[in-house]
Amino acid sequence: MQDHLKRHLLGVFLCAMHYNSTETVNYLEQKGITKNLLDELFTLAPTFKNTYERKLFVIGLIQMLTASTLPNHLVSTLLAIINQIIEMLNK
């Protein structure tokens, strides 16, 4: 899949995180794609050119961290997620 299509698809999940983070995390966990989604998101983050994509990245990840239940593998990568948010904010 082309990178610009991946960015738009990841944007859908980030919007869903903003709308209802708990349900989105639960859905991603049920499908078993949370880790893959975060890996793709962190891989493509340097290619985010416009302000909208960067804001969506920051807001979506922050909302994900506020979900009422976080899976253990997300808790173990919490520092990496926070570092990615800070790095994006510095751009």
C-alpha atoms as a PDB file:
ATOM      1  CA  MET A   1       0.000   0.000   0.000  1.00  0.00           C
ATOM      2  CA  GLN A   2       1.241   3.479  -0.794  1.00  0.00           C
ATOM      3  CA  ASP A   3       2.397   5.676   2.083  1.00  0.00           C
ATOM      4  CA  HIS A   4      -0.155   8.431   1.483  1.00  0.00           C
ATOM      5  CA  LEU A   5      -2.986   5.876   1.653  1.00  0.00           C
ATOM      6  CA  LYS A   6      -1.539   4.426   4.859  1.00  0.00           C
ATOM      7  CA  ARG A   7      -1.376   7.922   6.373  1.00  0.00           C
ATOM      8  CA  HIS A   8      -5.050   8.515   5.581  1.00  0.00           C
ATOM      9  CA  LEU A   9      -6.072   5.131   6.993  1.00  0.00           C
ATOM     10  CA  LEU A  10      -4.059   5.732  10.161  1.00  0.00           C
ATOM     11  CA  GLY A  11      -5.757   9.132  10.375  1.00  0.00           C
ATOM     12  CA  VAL A  12      -9.120   7.362  10.559  1.00  0.00           C
ATOM     13  CA  PHE A  13      -7.971   5.392  13.592  1.00  0.00           C
ATOM     14  CA  LEU A  14      -6.500   8.512  15.199  1.00  0.00           C
ATOM     15  CA  CYS A  15      -9.832  10.310  14.719  1.00  0.00           C
ATOM     16  CA  ALA A  16     -11.588   7.333  16.280  1.00  0.00           C
ATOM     17  CA  MET A  17      -9.188   7.578  19.235  1.00  0.00           C
ATOM     18  CA  HIS A  18     -10.161  11.202  19.671  1.00  0.00           C
ATOM     19  CA  TYR A  19     -13.863  10.383  19.466  1.00  0.00           C
ATOM     20  CA  ASN A  20     -13.893   7.362  21.810  1.00  0.00           C
ATOM     21  CA  SER A  21     -10.499   6.077  22.870  1.00  0.00           C
ATOM     22  CA  THR A  22     -11.711   3.222  25.065  1.00  0.00           C
ATOM     23  CA  GLU A  23     -13.862   1.638  22.358  1.00  0.00           C
ATOM     24  CA  THR A  24     -11.202   2.157  19.709  1.00  0.00           C
ATOM     25  CA  VAL A  25      -8.511   0.501  21.843  1.00  0.00           C
ATOM     26  CA  ASN A  26     -10.918  -2.367  22.601  1.00  0.00           C
ATOM     27  CA  TYR A  27     -11.654  -2.800  18.878  1.00  0.00           C
ATOM     28  CA  LEU A  28      -7.979  -2.765  17.937  1.00  0.00           C
ATOM     29  CA  GLU A  29      -7.229  -5.295  20.663  1.00  0.00           C
ATOM     30  CA  GLN A  30     -10.048  -7.603  19.537  1.00  0.00           C
ATOM     31  CA  LYS A  31      -8.644  -7.552  16.011  1.00  0.00           C
ATOM     32  CA  GLY A  32      -5.076  -7.945  17.304  1.00  0.00           C
ATOM     33  CA  ILE A  33      -3.750  -4.986  15.317  1.00  0.00           C
ATOM     34  CA  THR A  34      -2.838  -2.446  17.997  1.00  0.00           C
ATOM     35  CA  LYS A  35       0.903  -3.128  17.863  1.00  0.00           C
ATOM     36  CA  ASN A  36       0.965  -3.162  14.047  1.00  0.00           C
ATOM     37  CA  LEU A  37      -0.984   0.091  13.911  1.00  0.00           C
ATOM     38  CA  LEU A  38       1.415   1.814  16.291  1.00  0.00           C
ATOM     39  CA  ASP A  39       4.438   0.461  14.427  1.00  0.00           C
ATOM     40  CA  GLU A  40       3.097   1.814  11.118  1.00  0.00           C
ATOM     41  CA  LEU A  41       2.178   5.094  12.761  1.00  0.00           C
ATOM     42  CA  PHE A  42       5.671   5.573  14.217  1.00  0.00           C
ATOM     43  CA  THR A  43       7.272   4.555  10.922  1.00  0.00           C
ATOM     44  CA  LEU A  44       5.232   7.064   8.909  1.00  0.00           C
ATOM     45  CA  ALA A  45       5.317   9.885  11.479  1.00  0.00           C
ATOM     46  CA  PRO A  46       8.410  11.536   9.943  1.00  0.00           C
ATOM     47  CA  THR A  47       6.548  11.816   6.619  1.00  0.00           C
ATOM     48  CA  PHE A  48       3.724  13.889   8.107  1.00  0.00           C
ATOM     49  CA  LYS A  49       4.067  17.157   6.238  1.00  0.00           C
ATOM     50  CA  ASN A  50       1.057  19.260   7.086  1.00  0.00           C
ATOM     51  CA  THR A  51      -0.134  20.597  10.404  1.00  0.00           C
ATOM     52  CA  TYR A  52      -3.374  18.611  10.302  1.00  0.00           C
ATOM     53  CA  GLU A  53      -1.561  15.261  10.231  1.00  0.00           C
ATOM     54  CA  ARG A  54       0.733  16.291  13.078  1.00  0.00           C
ATOM     55  CA  LYS A  55      -2.165  17.529  15.226  1.00  0.00           C
ATOM     56  CA  LEU A  56      -4.121  14.358  14.534  1.00  0.00           C
ATOM     57  CA  PHE A  57      -1.079  12.290  15.539  1.00  0.00           C
ATOM     58  CA  VAL A  58      -0.622  14.150  18.842  1.00  0.00           C
ATOM     59  CA  ILE A  59      -4.309  14.346  19.792  1.00  0.00           C
ATOM     60  CA  GLY A  60      -5.026  10.732  18.809  1.00  0.00           C
ATOM     61  CA  LEU A  61      -2.131   9.311  20.808  1.00  0.00           C
ATOM     62  CA  ILE A  62      -2.854  11.471  23.845  1.00  0.00           C
ATOM     63  CA  GLN A  63      -6.487  10.360  23.773  1.00  0.00           C
ATOM     64  CA  MET A  64      -5.347   6.744  23.477  1.00  0.00           C
ATOM     65  CA  LEU A  65      -3.363   7.150  26.685  1.00  0.00           C
ATOM     66  CA  THR A  66      -6.503   8.376  28.453  1.00  0.00           C
ATOM     67  CA  ALA A  67      -8.499   5.234  27.604  1.00  0.00           C
ATOM     68  CA  SER A  68     -10.056   3.636  30.663  1.00  0.00           C
ATOM     69  CA  THR A  69      -8.310   0.331  29.961  1.00  0.00           C
ATOM     70  CA  LEU A  70      -4.887   0.051  28.396  1.00  0.00           C
ATOM     71  CA  PRO A  71      -3.515  -3.351  27.378  1.00  0.00           C
ATOM     72  CA  ASN A  72      -0.252  -4.433  28.994  1.00  0.00           C
ATOM     73  CA  HIS A  73       1.788  -4.107  25.811  1.00  0.00           C
ATOM     74  CA  LEU A  74       0.669  -0.458  25.501  1.00  0.00           C
ATOM     75  CA  VAL A  75       1.682   0.218  29.083  1.00  0.00           C
ATOM     76  CA  SER A  76       5.103  -1.294  28.376  1.00  0.00           C
ATOM     77  CA  THR A  77       5.573   1.037  25.369  1.00  0.00           C
ATOM     78  CA  LEU A  78       4.286   4.104  27.186  1.00  0.00           C
ATOM     79  CA  LEU A  79       7.669   5.827  27.222  1.00  0.00           C
ATOM     80  CA  ALA A  80       8.112   5.317  23.469  1.00  0.00           C
ATOM     81  CA  ILE A  81       4.635   6.721  22.809  1.00  0.00           C
ATOM     82  CA  ILE A  82       5.313   9.781  24.954  1.00  0.00           C
ATOM     83  CA  ASN A  83       8.668  10.319  23.222  1.00  0.00           C
ATOM     84  CA  GLN A  84       6.945  10.172  19.817  1.00  0.00           C
ATOM     85  CA  ILE A  85       4.372  12.743  20.959  1.00  0.00           C
ATOM     86  CA  ILE A  86       7.105  15.074  22.223  1.00  0.00           C
ATOM     87  CA  GLU A  87       9.095  14.669  19.032  1.00  0.00           C
ATOM     88  CA  MET A  88       6.035  15.534  16.938  1.00  0.00           C
ATOM     89  CA  LEU A  89       5.279  18.564  19.110  1.00  0.00           C
ATOM     90  CA  ASN A  90       8.818  19.829  18.521  1.00  0.00           C
ATOM     91  CA  LYS A  91       8.298  19.883  14.753  1.00  0.00           C
END
